[in-house]
Amino acid sequence: MRKKKNAFLNKSFLLFAASAVLLLMSTVGSTRAALTYYSENYEMQIEVPSIGVSLVENGQVVSSRNYVNDKWREETRELLSHMLGENEKLVLGKNYPEALSVRNSGSIDSYVRVILYKNWTKDGENVDTELSPELIELNLLGNGWIEDANASTRERTVLYYTQVLPSGQETTPFSDVLRINPEIGTKVTETRTSTASGTTITTTFAYDGYRFNLKAEVDAVQTHNAVDAIKSAWGVDVAIGGDGSLSLTRGGVRPSTPETEQP
């Protein structure tokens, strides 16, 4: 009788290494200028207020883009950099803190938009279109944010903050936790190899070696002539209420509400 060897698992998920670089964009061009007047007796410099925006992750600014002294100043770091501790491995189905919000780091009030991207890559570069981005579960809260359903897809979610964001202030969080759906761990292939000493059973996860990617893009638009500015910058029609609240005027808009409750 052939002796059956112990099965072994080949499950080197690279999920924990899959944080994506945040991109920050501003949709207003020359929003700050320095006008200088000279005479024999004195000089005077007048500064026009500047626009700026920052992404905040779990209470810490991770990326920012500000227009200062006629130049863009950028600081960009990776999301999820501190998701796992040293030597910690990602656990499928576990909720990891991922509270994301936007801070107005400029000197003028603004409206802000966030575009979230989720996807899977193989070998660090090739995007996989068959593995569902919905397995990357970023729990959205609503919390003063609305989603543009017409502009959103499985890979992309477009969110608008409905209130004016004053200079120096921060939005309410639009997410709170991130988890990888454990369903990915059930997709396996079993291979049996006969040898002189028995049968070796190799169990391989179907998505072995894949990485998940999360990216956020943040835009800011000035409140002055906001309807026209937003149409020009974002290509959407909005209405501005008497209290400054923003709403999308075309169909397909829905509140950004919590996703299905997770265990």
C-alpha atoms as a PDB file:
ATOM      1  CA  MET A   1       0.000   0.000   0.000  1.00  0.00           C
ATOM      2  CA  ARG A   2       1.269   3.431  -0.916  1.00  0.00           C
ATOM      3  CA  LYS A   3       1.860   5.779   1.921  1.00  0.00           C
ATOM      4  CA  LYS A   4       0.141   9.171   1.695  1.00  0.00           C
ATOM      5  CA  LYS A   5       2.395  12.105   2.550  1.00  0.00           C
ATOM      6  CA  ASN A   6       1.140  15.042   4.566  1.00  0.00           C
ATOM      7  CA  ALA A   7      -0.327  17.732   2.363  1.00  0.00           C
ATOM      8  CA  PHE A   8       1.365  21.093   2.389  1.00  0.00           C
ATOM      9  CA  LEU A   9       0.004  24.521   1.645  1.00  0.00           C
ATOM     10  CA  ASN A  10       1.477  27.007  -0.753  1.00  0.00           C
ATOM     11  CA  LYS A  11      -0.125  30.259   0.421  1.00  0.00           C
ATOM     12  CA  SER A  12       2.376  33.072   0.250  1.00  0.00           C
ATOM     13  CA  PHE A  13      -0.181  35.862  -0.020  1.00  0.00           C
ATOM     14  CA  LEU A  14       1.580  39.154  -0.594  1.00  0.00           C
ATOM     15  CA  LEU A  15      -1.455  41.140   0.447  1.00  0.00           C
ATOM     16  CA  PHE A  16       0.294  42.967   3.256  1.00  0.00           C
ATOM     17  CA  ALA A  17       2.769  44.534   0.835  1.00  0.00           C
ATOM     18  CA  ALA A  18       0.146  46.082  -1.365  1.00  0.00           C
ATOM     19  CA  SER A  19      -0.278  49.641  -0.181  1.00  0.00           C
ATOM     20  CA  ALA A  20      -0.582  52.133  -3.013  1.00  0.00           C
ATOM     21  CA  VAL A  21       0.885  55.593  -3.362  1.00  0.00           C
ATOM     22  CA  LEU A  22      -1.622  58.354  -2.845  1.00  0.00           C
ATOM     23  CA  LEU A  23      -1.987  61.016  -5.506  1.00  0.00           C
ATOM     24  CA  LEU A  24      -3.240  64.453  -4.608  1.00  0.00           C
ATOM     25  CA  MET A  25      -4.535  66.887  -7.183  1.00  0.00           C
ATOM     26  CA  SER A  26      -5.805  70.410  -7.089  1.00  0.00           C
ATOM     27  CA  THR A  27      -8.186  71.586  -9.726  1.00  0.00           C
ATOM     28  CA  VAL A  28      -7.449  75.277  -9.303  1.00  0.00           C
ATOM     29  CA  GLY A  29      -4.507  76.696 -11.204  1.00  0.00           C
ATOM     30  CA  SER A  30      -2.873  79.935 -10.157  1.00  0.00           C
ATOM     31  CA  THR A  31      -4.681  80.433  -6.890  1.00  0.00           C
ATOM     32  CA  ARG A  32      -1.910  82.351  -5.203  1.00  0.00           C
ATOM     33  CA  ALA A  33       0.166  85.235  -6.474  1.00  0.00           C
ATOM     34  CA  ALA A  34       2.487  87.838  -5.004  1.00  0.00           C
ATOM     35  CA  LEU A  35       1.982  91.412  -6.222  1.00  0.00           C
ATOM     36  CA  THR A  36       4.838  93.729  -5.311  1.00  0.00           C
ATOM     37  CA  TYR A  37       4.914  97.509  -5.539  1.00  0.00           C
ATOM     38  CA  TYR A  38       8.190  99.421  -5.190  1.00  0.00           C
ATOM     39  CA  SER A  39       8.947 103.100  -4.713  1.00  0.00           C
ATOM     40  CA  GLU A  40      11.915 105.095  -3.520  1.00  0.00           C
ATOM     41  CA  ASN A  41      10.525 105.161  -0.010  1.00  0.00           C
ATOM     42  CA  TYR A  42       8.894 101.793   0.643  1.00  0.00           C
ATOM     43  CA  GLU A  43       7.873  98.450  -0.762  1.00  0.00           C
ATOM     44  CA  MET A  44       4.620  96.571  -0.244  1.00  0.00           C
ATOM     45  CA  GLN A  45       3.780  92.903  -0.909  1.00  0.00           C
ATOM     46  CA  ILE A  46       0.224  91.633  -1.228  1.00  0.00           C
ATOM     47  CA  GLU A  47      -0.409  87.874  -1.046  1.00  0.00           C
ATOM     48  CA  VAL A  48      -3.467  86.196  -2.512  1.00  0.00           C
ATOM     49  CA  PRO A  49      -4.742  83.228  -0.434  1.00  0.00           C
ATOM     50  CA  SER A  50      -3.654  79.738  -1.507  1.00  0.00           C
ATOM     51  CA  ILE A  51      -5.399  76.409  -1.927  1.00  0.00           C
ATOM     52  CA  GLY A  52      -4.196  73.182  -0.333  1.00  0.00           C
ATOM     53  CA  VAL A  53      -5.440  69.738   0.627  1.00  0.00           C
ATOM     54  CA  SER A  54      -4.171  66.812   2.716  1.00  0.00           C
ATOM     55  CA  LEU A  55      -5.234  63.200   3.198  1.00  0.00           C
ATOM     56  CA  VAL A  56      -5.414  62.026   6.810  1.00  0.00           C
ATOM     57  CA  GLU A  57      -5.095  58.332   7.661  1.00  0.00           C
ATOM     58  CA  ASN A  58      -5.837  57.211  11.230  1.00  0.00           C
ATOM     59  CA  GLY A  59      -5.148  60.703  12.547  1.00  0.00           C
ATOM     60  CA  GLN A  60      -1.894  61.271  10.632  1.00  0.00           C
ATOM     61  CA  VAL A  61      -1.341  63.306   7.469  1.00  0.00           C
ATOM     62  CA  VAL A  62       0.013  60.889   4.865  1.00  0.00           C
ATOM     63  CA  SER A  63       0.012  63.111   1.781  1.00  0.00           C
ATOM     64  CA  SER A  64      -0.538  66.752   0.959  1.00  0.00           C
ATOM     65  CA  ARG A  65      -0.369  69.229  -1.901  1.00  0.00           C
ATOM     66  CA  ASN A  66      -0.304  72.962  -1.221  1.00  0.00           C
ATOM     67  CA  TYR A  67       0.229  75.999  -3.420  1.00  0.00           C
ATOM     68  CA  VAL A  68       2.748  78.205  -1.598  1.00  0.00           C
ATOM     69  CA  ASN A  69       4.878  81.043  -2.939  1.00  0.00           C
ATOM     70  CA  ASP A  70       3.726  80.405  -6.501  1.00  0.00           C
ATOM     71  CA  LYS A  71       4.805  76.769  -6.349  1.00  0.00           C
ATOM     72  CA  TRP A  72       3.205  73.436  -5.567  1.00  0.00           C
ATOM     73  CA  ARG A  73       4.642  71.757  -2.496  1.00  0.00           C
ATOM     74  CA  GLU A  74       3.923  68.064  -2.249  1.00  0.00           C
ATOM     75  CA  GLU A  75       4.479  65.409   0.371  1.00  0.00           C
ATOM     76  CA  THR A  76       3.446  61.910  -0.588  1.00  0.00           C
ATOM     77  CA  ARG A  77       3.668  58.691   1.399  1.00  0.00           C
ATOM     78  CA  GLU A  78       2.048  55.303   1.069  1.00  0.00           C
ATOM     79  CA  LEU A  79      -1.306  54.347   2.469  1.00  0.00           C
ATOM     80  CA  LEU A  80      -1.433  51.329   4.805  1.00  0.00           C
ATOM     81  CA  SER A  81       2.219  51.793   5.781  1.00  0.00           C
ATOM     82  CA  HIS A  82       1.419  50.972   9.415  1.00  0.00           C
ATOM     83  CA  MET A  83      -1.385  48.517   8.802  1.00  0.00           C
ATOM     84  CA  LEU A  84       0.713  45.590  10.043  1.00  0.00           C
ATOM     85  CA  GLY A  85       3.247  45.487  12.830  1.00  0.00           C
ATOM     86  CA  GLU A  86       6.757  44.184  12.450  1.00  0.00           C
ATOM     87  CA  ASN A  87       6.725  40.534  11.376  1.00  0.00           C
ATOM     88  CA  GLU A  88       2.901  40.551  11.466  1.00  0.00           C
ATOM     89  CA  LYS A  89       1.072  38.700   8.704  1.00  0.00           C
ATOM     90  CA  LEU A  90      -2.221  39.784   7.243  1.00  0.00           C
ATOM     91  CA  VAL A  91      -5.226  37.821   8.483  1.00  0.00           C
ATOM     92  CA  LEU A  92      -8.067  37.324   6.033  1.00  0.00           C
ATOM     93  CA  GLY A  93     -11.378  38.585   7.382  1.00  0.00           C
ATOM     94  CA  LYS A  94      -9.810  40.740  10.083  1.00  0.00           C
ATOM     95  CA  ASN A  95     -10.831  44.396  10.372  1.00  0.00           C
ATOM     96  CA  TYR A  96      -7.863  46.778  10.277  1.00  0.00           C
ATOM     97  CA  PRO A  97      -8.277  50.460  11.266  1.00  0.00           C
ATOM     98  CA  GLU A  98      -8.401  52.649   8.152  1.00  0.00           C
ATOM     99  CA  ALA A  99     -10.036  55.952   9.061  1.00  0.00           C
ATOM    100  CA  LEU A 100      -9.600  58.298   6.103  1.00  0.00           C
ATOM    101  CA  SER A 101     -10.518  61.984   6.002  1.00  0.00           C
ATOM    102  CA  VAL A 102      -9.452  65.188   4.227  1.00  0.00           C
ATOM    103  CA  ARG A 103      -7.919  68.303   5.773  1.00  0.00           C
ATOM    104  CA  ASN A 104      -7.959  71.756   4.223  1.00  0.00           C
ATOM    105  CA  SER A 105      -4.282  72.688   4.474  1.00  0.00           C
ATOM    106  CA  GLY A 106      -4.694  75.841   2.380  1.00  0.00           C
ATOM    107  CA  SER A 107      -5.733  79.325   3.442  1.00  0.00           C
ATOM    108  CA  ILE A 108      -9.074  79.467   1.607  1.00  0.00           C
ATOM    109  CA  ASP A 109     -12.293  77.527   2.122  1.00  0.00           C
ATOM    110  CA  SER A 110     -12.965  74.814  -0.437  1.00  0.00           C
ATOM    111  CA  TYR A 111     -15.076  71.895  -1.590  1.00  0.00           C
ATOM    112  CA  VAL A 112     -13.345  68.514  -1.736  1.00  0.00           C
ATOM    113  CA  ARG A 113     -13.724  65.269  -3.646  1.00  0.00           C
ATOM    114  CA  VAL A 114     -12.098  61.867  -3.130  1.00  0.00           C
ATOM    115  CA  ILE A 115     -11.682  59.129  -5.752  1.00  0.00           C
ATOM    116  CA  LEU A 116     -10.831  55.687  -4.394  1.00  0.00           C
ATOM    117  CA  TYR A 117      -9.285  52.944  -6.526  1.00  0.00           C
ATOM    118  CA  LYS A 118      -9.089  49.250  -5.592  1.00  0.00           C
ATOM    119  CA  ASN A 119      -7.522  46.475  -7.656  1.00  0.00           C
ATOM    120  CA  TRP A 120      -5.341  43.389  -7.598  1.00  0.00           C
ATOM    121  CA  THR A 121      -1.962  42.960  -9.254  1.00  0.00           C
ATOM    122  CA  LYS A 122       0.088  39.917 -10.091  1.00  0.00           C
ATOM    123  CA  ASP A 123       3.876  40.045  -9.991  1.00  0.00           C
ATOM    124  CA  GLY A 124       3.654  43.622  -8.773  1.00  0.00           C
ATOM    125  CA  GLU A 125       2.558  45.174 -12.060  1.00  0.00           C
ATOM    126  CA  ASN A 126      -0.112  43.373 -14.061  1.00  0.00           C
ATOM    127  CA  VAL A 127      -3.645  44.315 -13.024  1.00  0.00           C
ATOM    128  CA  ASP A 128      -5.921  41.310 -12.694  1.00  0.00           C
ATOM    129  CA  THR A 129      -9.398  42.006 -14.079  1.00  0.00           C
ATOM    130  CA  GLU A 130     -10.966  38.704 -12.999  1.00  0.00           C
ATOM    131  CA  LEU A 131     -10.296  38.873  -9.262  1.00  0.00           C
ATOM    132  CA  SER A 132     -13.033  41.101  -7.852  1.00  0.00           C
ATOM    133  CA  PRO A 133     -11.982  44.436  -6.307  1.00  0.00           C
ATOM    134  CA  GLU A 134     -14.993  43.999  -4.023  1.00  0.00           C
ATOM    135  CA  LEU A 135     -12.917  41.499  -2.035  1.00  0.00           C
ATOM    136  CA  ILE A 136     -10.959  44.552  -0.854  1.00  0.00           C
ATOM    137  CA  GLU A 137     -13.507  45.883   1.607  1.00  0.00           C
ATOM    138  CA  LEU A 138     -13.054  49.503   2.657  1.00  0.00           C
ATOM    139  CA  ASN A 139     -16.035  50.244   4.883  1.00  0.00           C
ATOM    140  CA  LEU A 140     -17.617  53.557   3.865  1.00  0.00           C
ATOM    141  CA  LEU A 141     -19.523  55.515   6.480  1.00  0.00           C
ATOM    142  CA  GLY A 142     -21.553  58.172   4.693  1.00  0.00           C
ATOM    143  CA  ASN A 143     -20.948  60.726   7.423  1.00  0.00           C
ATOM    144  CA  GLY A 144     -21.535  63.826   5.287  1.00  0.00           C
ATOM    145  CA  TRP A 145     -20.147  62.260   2.085  1.00  0.00           C
ATOM    146  CA  ILE A 146     -22.163  61.290  -0.989  1.00  0.00           C
ATOM    147  CA  GLU A 147     -21.200  58.877  -3.753  1.00  0.00           C
ATOM    148  CA  ASP A 148     -21.616  59.629  -7.440  1.00  0.00           C
ATOM    149  CA  ALA A 149     -23.060  56.309  -8.584  1.00  0.00           C
ATOM    150  CA  ASN A 150     -22.821  57.258 -12.271  1.00  0.00           C
ATOM    151  CA  ALA A 151     -19.074  57.815 -12.007  1.00  0.00           C
ATOM    152  CA  SER A 152     -18.355  54.841  -9.743  1.00  0.00           C
ATOM    153  CA  THR A 153     -17.440  51.310 -10.834  1.00  0.00           C
ATOM    154  CA  ARG A 154     -16.277  48.155  -9.073  1.00  0.00           C
ATOM    155  CA  GLU A 155     -12.726  49.491  -9.193  1.00  0.00           C
ATOM    156  CA  ARG A 156     -13.459  53.176  -8.543  1.00  0.00           C
ATOM    157  CA  THR A 157     -15.592  55.041  -5.995  1.00  0.00           C
ATOM    158  CA  VAL A 158     -16.194  58.794  -6.335  1.00  0.00           C
ATOM    159  CA  LEU A 159     -17.132  60.668  -3.144  1.00  0.00           C
ATOM    160  CA  TYR A 160     -18.047  64.320  -2.554  1.00  0.00           C
ATOM    161  CA  TYR A 161     -18.047  66.079   0.793  1.00  0.00           C
ATOM    162  CA  THR A 162     -21.323  67.951   1.004  1.00  0.00           C
ATOM    163  CA  GLN A 163     -20.153  70.824   3.202  1.00  0.00           C
ATOM    164  CA  VAL A 164     -17.721  73.684   2.717  1.00  0.00           C
ATOM    165  CA  LEU A 165     -14.386  72.704   4.251  1.00  0.00           C
ATOM    166  CA  PRO A 166     -12.988  75.778   6.038  1.00  0.00           C
ATOM    167  CA  SER A 167      -9.271  76.506   6.024  1.00  0.00           C
ATOM    168  CA  GLY A 168      -7.471  74.418   8.641  1.00  0.00           C
ATOM    169  CA  GLN A 169     -10.469  72.152   9.248  1.00  0.00           C
ATOM    170  CA  GLU A 170     -10.956  68.441   8.582  1.00  0.00           C
ATOM    171  CA  THR A 171     -13.854  66.489   7.142  1.00  0.00           C
ATOM    172  CA  THR A 172     -15.611  63.707   8.953  1.00  0.00           C
ATOM    173  CA  PRO A 173     -14.050  60.298   8.143  1.00  0.00           C
ATOM    174  CA  PHE A 174     -15.453  58.587   5.052  1.00  0.00           C
ATOM    175  CA  SER A 175     -14.149  55.147   6.091  1.00  0.00           C
ATOM    176  CA  ASP A 176     -13.221  53.345   9.278  1.00  0.00           C
ATOM    177  CA  VAL A 177     -11.908  49.818   8.610  1.00  0.00           C
ATOM    178  CA  LEU A 178     -10.360  47.740   5.850  1.00  0.00           C
ATOM    179  CA  ARG A 179     -10.445  43.990   5.490  1.00  0.00           C
ATOM    180  CA  ILE A 180      -9.767  41.356   2.851  1.00  0.00           C
ATOM    181  CA  ASN A 181     -12.773  39.117   2.329  1.00  0.00           C
ATOM    182  CA  PRO A 182     -11.861  35.578   3.489  1.00  0.00           C
ATOM    183  CA  GLU A 183     -13.592  34.163   0.407  1.00  0.00           C
ATOM    184  CA  ILE A 184     -10.293  34.589  -1.402  1.00  0.00           C
ATOM    185  CA  GLY A 185      -8.820  31.848   0.808  1.00  0.00           C
ATOM    186  CA  THR A 186     -11.364  29.284  -0.341  1.00  0.00           C
ATOM    187  CA  LYS A 187     -10.273  29.325  -3.971  1.00  0.00           C
ATOM    188  CA  VAL A 188      -7.756  26.460  -4.071  1.00  0.00           C
ATOM    189  CA  THR A 189      -6.409  23.872  -6.478  1.00  0.00           C
ATOM    190  CA  GLU A 190      -5.313  20.428  -5.298  1.00  0.00           C
ATOM    191  CA  THR A 191      -2.618  18.557  -7.209  1.00  0.00           C
ATOM    192  CA  ARG A 192      -1.710  14.897  -6.553  1.00  0.00           C
ATOM    193  CA  THR A 193       1.700  13.570  -7.523  1.00  0.00           C
ATOM    194  CA  SER A 194       2.502   9.858  -7.323  1.00  0.00           C
ATOM    195  CA  THR A 195       5.987   8.881  -6.239  1.00  0.00           C
ATOM    196  CA  ALA A 196       7.679   5.636  -5.333  1.00  0.00           C
ATOM    197  CA  SER A 197       7.023   6.297  -1.649  1.00  0.00           C
ATOM    198  CA  GLY A 198       3.429   7.445  -1.919  1.00  0.00           C
ATOM    199  CA  THR A 199       1.261  10.334  -3.046  1.00  0.00           C
ATOM    200  CA  THR A 200       2.067  13.962  -2.439  1.00  0.00           C
ATOM    201  CA  ILE A 201      -0.894  16.340  -2.275  1.00  0.00           C
ATOM    202  CA  THR A 202      -0.139  19.981  -2.998  1.00  0.00           C
ATOM    203  CA  THR A 203      -2.799  22.563  -2.188  1.00  0.00           C
ATOM    204  CA  THR A 204      -2.263  25.880  -3.967  1.00  0.00           C
ATOM    205  CA  PHE A 205      -4.343  28.995  -3.453  1.00  0.00           C
ATOM    206  CA  ALA A 206      -5.696  30.250  -6.766  1.00  0.00           C
ATOM    207  CA  TYR A 207      -4.515  33.802  -6.116  1.00  0.00           C
ATOM    208  CA  ASP A 208      -1.147  32.962  -4.628  1.00  0.00           C
ATOM    209  CA  GLY A 209       1.276  35.873  -4.865  1.00  0.00           C
ATOM    210  CA  TYR A 210      -1.340  38.534  -5.582  1.00  0.00           C
ATOM    211  CA  ARG A 211      -1.256  42.020  -4.108  1.00  0.00           C
ATOM    212  CA  PHE A 212      -4.150  44.285  -3.304  1.00  0.00           C
ATOM    213  CA  ASN A 213      -3.923  47.984  -4.066  1.00  0.00           C
ATOM    214  CA  LEU A 214      -5.732  50.938  -2.533  1.00  0.00           C
ATOM    215  CA  LYS A 215      -5.250  54.449  -3.912  1.00  0.00           C
ATOM    216  CA  ALA A 216      -6.944  57.729  -3.033  1.00  0.00           C
ATOM    217  CA  GLU A 217      -6.984  60.928  -5.086  1.00  0.00           C
ATOM    218  CA  VAL A 218      -8.084  64.147  -3.393  1.00  0.00           C
ATOM    219  CA  ASP A 219      -9.225  67.293  -5.225  1.00  0.00           C
ATOM    220  CA  ALA A 220     -10.085  70.735  -3.880  1.00  0.00           C
ATOM    221  CA  VAL A 221     -12.065  73.492  -5.581  1.00  0.00           C
ATOM    222  CA  GLN A 222     -12.506  77.049  -4.385  1.00  0.00           C
ATOM    223  CA  THR A 223     -15.892  78.129  -3.029  1.00  0.00           C
ATOM    224  CA  HIS A 224     -15.931  81.328  -5.097  1.00  0.00           C
ATOM    225  CA  ASN A 225     -18.229  80.785  -8.103  1.00  0.00           C
ATOM    226  CA  ALA A 226     -18.359  77.170  -6.932  1.00  0.00           C
ATOM    227  CA  VAL A 227     -20.960  75.899  -9.402  1.00  0.00           C
ATOM    228  CA  ASP A 228     -18.937  76.998 -12.421  1.00  0.00           C
ATOM    229  CA  ALA A 229     -15.603  76.080 -10.831  1.00  0.00           C
ATOM    230  CA  ILE A 230     -16.777  72.545 -10.029  1.00  0.00           C
ATOM    231  CA  LYS A 231     -18.270  72.092 -13.500  1.00  0.00           C
ATOM    232  CA  SER A 232     -14.984  73.174 -15.060  1.00  0.00           C
ATOM    233  CA  ALA A 233     -12.747  71.159 -12.721  1.00  0.00           C
ATOM    234  CA  TRP A 234     -14.773  68.008 -12.102  1.00  0.00           C
ATOM    235  CA  GLY A 235     -17.176  67.968 -15.026  1.00  0.00           C
ATOM    236  CA  VAL A 236     -20.287  67.586 -12.859  1.00  0.00           C
ATOM    237  CA  ASP A 237     -23.337  69.721 -12.281  1.00  0.00           C
ATOM    238  CA  VAL A 238     -23.942  70.708  -8.666  1.00  0.00           C
ATOM    239  CA  ALA A 239     -26.317  72.851  -6.687  1.00  0.00           C
ATOM    240  CA  ILE A 240     -25.155  74.926  -3.729  1.00  0.00           C
ATOM    241  CA  GLY A 241     -27.683  75.488  -0.942  1.00  0.00           C
ATOM    242  CA  GLY A 242     -28.124  78.632   1.077  1.00  0.00           C
ATOM    243  CA  ASP A 243     -26.006  77.090   3.847  1.00  0.00           C
ATOM    244  CA  GLY A 244     -23.237  76.230   1.373  1.00  0.00           C
ATOM    245  CA  SER A 245     -24.143  72.533   1.176  1.00  0.00           C
ATOM    246  CA  LEU A 246     -23.329  70.743  -2.066  1.00  0.00           C
ATOM    247  CA  SER A 247     -25.560  68.324  -3.959  1.00  0.00           C
ATOM    248  CA  LEU A 248     -25.226  66.709  -7.369  1.00  0.00           C
ATOM    249  CA  THR A 249     -28.042  67.645  -9.692  1.00  0.00           C
ATOM    250  CA  ARG A 250     -27.910  64.768 -12.166  1.00  0.00           C
ATOM    251  CA  GLY A 251     -29.234  61.276 -11.483  1.00  0.00           C
ATOM    252  CA  GLY A 252     -27.401  58.349  -9.977  1.00  0.00           C
ATOM    253  CA  VAL A 253     -26.273  60.009  -6.788  1.00  0.00           C
ATOM    254  CA  ARG A 254     -26.581  58.073  -3.574  1.00  0.00           C
ATOM    255  CA  PRO A 255     -25.398  58.682   0.004  1.00  0.00           C
ATOM    256  CA  SER A 256     -22.136  56.965   0.858  1.00  0.00           C
ATOM    257  CA  THR A 257     -23.589  54.518   3.357  1.00  0.00           C
ATOM    258  CA  PRO A 258     -21.974  51.705   5.349  1.00  0.00           C
ATOM    259  CA  GLU A 259     -21.370  48.506   3.453  1.00  0.00           C
ATOM    260  CA  THR A 260     -22.825  45.183   4.537  1.00  0.00           C
ATOM    261  CA  GLU A 261     -22.052  44.489   8.169  1.00  0.00           C
ATOM    262  CA  GLN A 262     -18.880  42.490   8.569  1.00  0.00           C
ATOM    263  CA  PRO A 263     -18.269  39.797  11.169  1.00  0.00           C
END
